[in-house]
Amino acid sequence: MDDVRAVVARLLSLGAREHEPVREFGEGFVAGCVTDPFGNVLGVMENSHYLEVLASRG
């Protein structure tokens, strides 16, 4: 994801519940988890280093 905080906010607005808050796990790596209305736990991640690699490949 490009913006984990925005994605989590959108999921919460659609009826998900916070499972784990969004937090940084290290420089450039951000993640959080929600539980959807069916009970599934969904994790979303942002890794700025991965985005840099993609950008360098054109």
PDB file of N, CA and C in Angstrom:
ATOM      1  N   MET A   1       0.837  -1.166   0.000  1.00  0.00           N
ATOM      2  CA  MET A   1       0.000   0.000   0.000  1.00  0.00           C
ATOM      3  C   MET A   1       0.890   1.239   0.000  1.00  0.00           C
ATOM      4  N   ASP A   2       0.421   2.263  -0.626  1.00  0.00           N
ATOM      5  CA  ASP A   2       1.155   3.525  -0.607  1.00  0.00           C
ATOM      6  C   ASP A   2       0.916   4.307   0.677  1.00  0.00           C
ATOM      7  N   ASP A   3      -0.266   4.149   1.280  1.00  0.00           N
ATOM      8  CA  ASP A   3      -0.612   4.903   2.486  1.00  0.00           C
ATOM      9  C   ASP A   3      -1.473   4.022   3.392  1.00  0.00           C
ATOM     10  N   VAL A   4      -0.811   3.285   4.276  1.00  0.00           N
ATOM     11  CA  VAL A   4      -1.512   2.338   5.150  1.00  0.00           C
ATOM     12  C   VAL A   4      -2.549   3.037   6.015  1.00  0.00           C
ATOM     13  N   ARG A   5      -2.222   4.185   6.531  1.00  0.00           N
ATOM     14  CA  ARG A   5      -3.167   4.884   7.418  1.00  0.00           C
ATOM     15  C   ARG A   5      -4.469   5.209   6.680  1.00  0.00           C
ATOM     16  N   ALA A   6      -4.371   5.660   5.443  1.00  0.00           N
ATOM     17  CA  ALA A   6      -5.571   5.971   4.655  1.00  0.00           C
ATOM     18  C   ALA A   6      -6.354   4.700   4.331  1.00  0.00           C
ATOM     19  N   VAL A   7      -5.666   3.616   4.018  1.00  0.00           N
ATOM     20  CA  VAL A   7      -6.340   2.344   3.706  1.00  0.00           C
ATOM     21  C   VAL A   7      -7.073   1.818   4.940  1.00  0.00           C
ATOM     22  N   VAL A   8      -6.421   1.847   6.087  1.00  0.00           N
ATOM     23  CA  VAL A   8      -7.064   1.379   7.321  1.00  0.00           C
ATOM     24  C   VAL A   8      -8.273   2.255   7.651  1.00  0.00           C
ATOM     25  N   ALA A   9      -8.138   3.571   7.503  1.00  0.00           N
ATOM     26  CA  ALA A   9      -9.268   4.468   7.764  1.00  0.00           C
ATOM     27  C   ALA A   9     -10.438   4.135   6.848  1.00  0.00           C
ATOM     28  N   ARG A  10     -10.153   3.841   5.597  1.00  0.00           N
ATOM     29  CA  ARG A  10     -11.202   3.478   4.639  1.00  0.00           C
ATOM     30  C   ARG A  10     -11.868   2.156   5.036  1.00  0.00           C
ATOM     31  N   LEU A  11     -11.071   1.172   5.400  1.00  0.00           N
ATOM     32  CA  LEU A  11     -11.633  -0.118   5.830  1.00  0.00           C
ATOM     33  C   LEU A  11     -12.506   0.050   7.065  1.00  0.00           C
ATOM     34  N   LEU A  12     -12.067   0.870   8.010  1.00  0.00           N
ATOM     35  CA  LEU A  12     -12.872   1.116   9.213  1.00  0.00           C
ATOM     36  C   LEU A  12     -14.185   1.801   8.856  1.00  0.00           C
ATOM     37  N   SER A  13     -14.144   2.718   7.895  1.00  0.00           N
ATOM     38  CA  SER A  13     -15.376   3.407   7.483  1.00  0.00           C
ATOM     39  C   SER A  13     -16.351   2.463   6.785  1.00  0.00           C
ATOM     40  N   LEU A  14     -15.827   1.346   6.259  1.00  0.00           N
ATOM     41  CA  LEU A  14     -16.668   0.366   5.576  1.00  0.00           C
ATOM     42  C   LEU A  14     -17.170  -0.743   6.505  1.00  0.00           C
ATOM     43  N   GLY A  15     -16.857  -0.645   7.797  1.00  0.00           N
ATOM     44  CA  GLY A  15     -17.402  -1.601   8.757  1.00  0.00           C
ATOM     45  C   GLY A  15     -16.396  -2.514   9.425  1.00  0.00           C
ATOM     46  N   ALA A  16     -15.125  -2.409   9.072  1.00  0.00           N
ATOM     47  CA  ALA A  16     -14.103  -3.224   9.738  1.00  0.00           C
ATOM     48  C   ALA A  16     -13.872  -2.682  11.147  1.00  0.00           C
ATOM     49  N   ARG A  17     -13.260  -3.525  11.988  1.00  0.00           N
ATOM     50  CA  ARG A  17     -12.870  -3.113  13.343  1.00  0.00           C
ATOM     51  C   ARG A  17     -11.349  -3.218  13.449  1.00  0.00           C
ATOM     52  N   GLU A  18     -10.762  -2.337  14.232  1.00  0.00           N
ATOM     53  CA  GLU A  18      -9.313  -2.386  14.417  1.00  0.00           C
ATOM     54  C   GLU A  18      -8.919  -3.674  15.140  1.00  0.00           C
ATOM     55  N   HIS A  19      -7.975  -4.394  14.577  1.00  0.00           N
ATOM     56  CA  HIS A  19      -7.432  -5.601  15.207  1.00  0.00           C
ATOM     57  C   HIS A  19      -6.108  -5.260  15.887  1.00  0.00           C
ATOM     58  N   GLU A  20      -5.250  -4.557  15.173  1.00  0.00           N
ATOM     59  CA  GLU A  20      -4.002  -4.022  15.714  1.00  0.00           C
ATOM     60  C   GLU A  20      -3.813  -2.636  15.118  1.00  0.00           C
ATOM     61  N   PRO A  21      -3.403  -1.681  15.928  1.00  0.00           N
ATOM     62  CA  PRO A  21      -3.249  -0.318  15.408  1.00  0.00           C
ATOM     63  C   PRO A  21      -2.110  -0.225  14.392  1.00  0.00           C
ATOM     64  N   VAL A  22      -2.207   0.771  13.534  1.00  0.00           N
ATOM     65  CA  VAL A  22      -1.133   1.041  12.583  1.00  0.00           C
ATOM     66  C   VAL A  22       0.082   1.505  13.373  1.00  0.00           C
ATOM     67  N   ARG A  23       1.227   0.904  13.047  1.00  0.00           N
ATOM     68  CA  ARG A  23       2.462   1.319  13.713  1.00  0.00           C
ATOM     69  C   ARG A  23       3.657   1.028  12.822  1.00  0.00           C
ATOM     70  N   GLU A  24       4.764   1.659  13.151  1.00  0.00           N
ATOM     71  CA  GLU A  24       6.005   1.438  12.413  1.00  0.00           C
ATOM     72  C   GLU A  24       6.738   0.244  13.003  1.00  0.00           C
ATOM     73  N   PHE A  25       7.247  -0.605  12.131  1.00  0.00           N
ATOM     74  CA  PHE A  25       8.018  -1.773  12.545  1.00  0.00           C
ATOM     75  C   PHE A  25       9.499  -1.571  12.296  1.00  0.00           C
ATOM     76  N   GLY A  26       9.843  -0.489  11.714  1.00  0.00           N
ATOM     77  CA  GLY A  26      11.221  -0.151  11.378  1.00  0.00           C
ATOM     78  C   GLY A  26      11.172   0.957  10.353  1.00  0.00           C
ATOM     79  N   GLU A  27      12.306   1.459  10.017  1.00  0.00           N
ATOM     80  CA  GLU A  27      12.354   2.578   9.083  1.00  0.00           C
ATOM     81  C   GLU A  27      11.718   2.195   7.739  1.00  0.00           C
ATOM     82  N   GLY A  28      10.648   2.877   7.391  1.00  0.00           N
ATOM     83  CA  GLY A  28      10.006   2.668   6.104  1.00  0.00           C
ATOM     84  C   GLY A  28       9.000   1.532   6.046  1.00  0.00           C
ATOM     85  N   PHE A  29       8.770   0.840   7.157  1.00  0.00           N
ATOM     86  CA  PHE A  29       7.831  -0.277   7.160  1.00  0.00           C
ATOM     87  C   PHE A  29       6.726   0.002   8.171  1.00  0.00           C
ATOM     88  N   VAL A  30       5.498   0.158   7.667  1.00  0.00           N
ATOM     89  CA  VAL A  30       4.337   0.492   8.487  1.00  0.00           C
ATOM     90  C   VAL A  30       3.260  -0.557   8.214  1.00  0.00           C
ATOM     91  N   ALA A  31       2.579  -1.010   9.259  1.00  0.00           N
ATOM     92  CA  ALA A  31       1.535  -2.015   9.084  1.00  0.00           C
ATOM     93  C   ALA A  31       0.447  -1.866  10.134  1.00  0.00           C
ATOM     94  N   GLY A  32      -0.700  -2.430   9.826  1.00  0.00           N
ATOM     95  CA  GLY A  32      -1.817  -2.472  10.755  1.00  0.00           C
ATOM     96  C   GLY A  32      -2.751  -3.594  10.337  1.00  0.00           C
ATOM     97  N   CYS A  33      -3.669  -3.973  11.227  1.00  0.00           N
ATOM     98  CA  CYS A  33      -4.615  -5.053  10.939  1.00  0.00           C
ATOM     99  C   CYS A  33      -6.025  -4.634  11.325  1.00  0.00           C
ATOM    100  N   VAL A  34      -6.966  -5.089  10.522  1.00  0.00           N
ATOM    101  CA  VAL A  34      -8.384  -4.891  10.832  1.00  0.00           C
ATOM    102  C   VAL A  34      -9.085  -6.246  10.764  1.00  0.00           C
ATOM    103  N   THR A  35     -10.245  -6.320  11.385  1.00  0.00           N
ATOM    104  CA  THR A  35     -11.114  -7.482  11.270  1.00  0.00           C
ATOM    105  C   THR A  35     -12.326  -7.057  10.459  1.00  0.00           C
ATOM    106  N   ASP A  36     -12.577  -7.757   9.347  1.00  0.00           N
ATOM    107  CA  ASP A  36     -13.711  -7.380   8.505  1.00  0.00           C
ATOM    108  C   ASP A  36     -15.019  -7.876   9.136  1.00  0.00           C
ATOM    109  N   PRO A  37     -16.168  -7.462   8.588  1.00  0.00           N
ATOM    110  CA  PRO A  37     -17.460  -7.857   9.174  1.00  0.00           C
ATOM    111  C   PRO A  37     -17.698  -9.365   9.219  1.00  0.00           C
ATOM    112  N   PHE A  38     -16.919 -10.154   8.475  1.00  0.00           N
ATOM    113  CA  PHE A  38     -17.075 -11.602   8.453  1.00  0.00           C
ATOM    114  C   PHE A  38     -16.119 -12.306   9.418  1.00  0.00           C
ATOM    115  N   GLY A  39     -15.293 -11.528  10.122  1.00  0.00           N
ATOM    116  CA  GLY A  39     -14.360 -12.094  11.084  1.00  0.00           C
ATOM    117  C   GLY A  39     -12.972 -12.371  10.548  1.00  0.00           C
ATOM    118  N   ASN A  40     -12.715 -12.039   9.285  1.00  0.00           N
ATOM    119  CA  ASN A  40     -11.389 -12.233   8.706  1.00  0.00           C
ATOM    120  C   ASN A  40     -10.442 -11.130   9.160  1.00  0.00           C
ATOM    121  N   VAL A  41      -9.230 -11.495   9.529  1.00  0.00           N
ATOM    122  CA  VAL A  41      -8.216 -10.509   9.904  1.00  0.00           C
ATOM    123  C   VAL A  41      -7.415 -10.173   8.658  1.00  0.00           C
ATOM    124  N   LEU A  42      -7.369  -8.891   8.340  1.00  0.00           N
ATOM    125  CA  LEU A  42      -6.656  -8.405   7.163  1.00  0.00           C
ATOM    126  C   LEU A  42      -5.495  -7.518   7.595  1.00  0.00           C
ATOM    127  N   GLY A  43      -4.314  -7.844   7.130  1.00  0.00           N
ATOM    128  CA  GLY A  43      -3.143  -7.029   7.414  1.00  0.00           C
ATOM    129  C   GLY A  43      -2.787  -6.200   6.202  1.00  0.00           C
ATOM    130  N   VAL A  44      -2.453  -4.957   6.430  1.00  0.00           N
ATOM    131  CA  VAL A  44      -2.009  -4.073   5.346  1.00  0.00           C
ATOM    132  C   VAL A  44      -0.633  -3.531   5.701  1.00  0.00           C
ATOM    133  N   MET A  45       0.226  -3.472   4.687  1.00  0.00           N
ATOM    134  CA  MET A  45       1.608  -3.065   4.911  1.00  0.00           C
ATOM    135  C   MET A  45       2.026  -1.987   3.920  1.00  0.00           C
ATOM    136  N   GLU A  46       2.950  -1.173   4.369  1.00  0.00           N
ATOM    137  CA  GLU A  46       3.577  -0.154   3.530  1.00  0.00           C
ATOM    138  C   GLU A  46       5.079  -0.309   3.703  1.00  0.00           C
ATOM    139  N   ASN A  47       5.784  -0.435   2.601  1.00  0.00           N
ATOM    140  CA  ASN A  47       7.236  -0.584   2.648  1.00  0.00           C
ATOM    141  C   ASN A  47       7.832   0.392   1.653  1.00  0.00           C
ATOM    142  N   SER A  48       8.298   1.532   2.150  1.00  0.00           N
ATOM    143  CA  SER A  48       8.819   2.571   1.264  1.00  0.00           C
ATOM    144  C   SER A  48      10.026   2.089   0.476  1.00  0.00           C
ATOM    145  N   HIS A  49      10.777   1.152   1.015  1.00  0.00           N
ATOM    146  CA  HIS A  49      11.949   0.636   0.303  1.00  0.00           C
ATOM    147  C   HIS A  49      11.520  -0.134  -0.945  1.00  0.00           C
ATOM    148  N   TYR A  50      10.444  -0.864  -0.857  1.00  0.00           N
ATOM    149  CA  TYR A  50       9.920  -1.589  -2.010  1.00  0.00           C
ATOM    150  C   TYR A  50       9.481  -0.609  -3.086  1.00  0.00           C
ATOM    151  N   LEU A  51       8.824   0.467  -2.679  1.00  0.00           N
ATOM    152  CA  LEU A  51       8.398   1.479  -3.646  1.00  0.00           C
ATOM    153  C   LEU A  51       9.597   2.113  -4.338  1.00  0.00           C
ATOM    154  N   GLU A  52      10.697   2.304  -3.616  1.00  0.00           N
ATOM    155  CA  GLU A  52      11.916   2.847  -4.218  1.00  0.00           C
ATOM    156  C   GLU A  52      12.470   1.885  -5.275  1.00  0.00           C
ATOM    157  N   VAL A  53      12.445   0.593  -4.987  1.00  0.00           N
ATOM    158  CA  VAL A  53      12.925  -0.406  -5.951  1.00  0.00           C
ATOM    159  C   VAL A  53      12.051  -0.381  -7.205  1.00  0.00           C
ATOM    160  N   LEU A  54      10.755  -0.332  -7.035  1.00  0.00           N
ATOM    161  CA  LEU A  54       9.855  -0.265  -8.194  1.00  0.00           C
ATOM    162  C   LEU A  54      10.121   0.979  -9.029  1.00  0.00           C
ATOM    163  N   ALA A  55      10.310   2.114  -8.367  1.00  0.00           N
ATOM    164  CA  ALA A  55      10.564   3.369  -9.075  1.00  0.00           C
ATOM    165  C   ALA A  55      11.876   3.300  -9.855  1.00  0.00           C
ATOM    166  N   SER A  56      12.875   2.640  -9.313  1.00  0.00           N
ATOM    167  CA  SER A  56      14.167   2.558  -9.976  1.00  0.00           C
ATOM    168  C   SER A  56      14.126   1.666 -11.221  1.00  0.00           C
ATOM    169  N   ARG A  57      13.148   0.772 -11.271  1.00  0.00           N
ATOM    170  CA  ARG A  57      13.008  -0.124 -12.429  1.00  0.00           C
ATOM    171  C   ARG A  57      12.228   0.495 -13.577  1.00  0.00           C
ATOM    172  N   GLY A  58      11.615   1.636 -13.303  1.00  0.00           N
ATOM    173  CA  GLY A  58      10.902   2.346 -14.357  1.00  0.00           C
ATOM    174  C   GLY A  58       9.570   1.835 -14.558  1.00  0.00           C
TER     175      GLY A  58
END
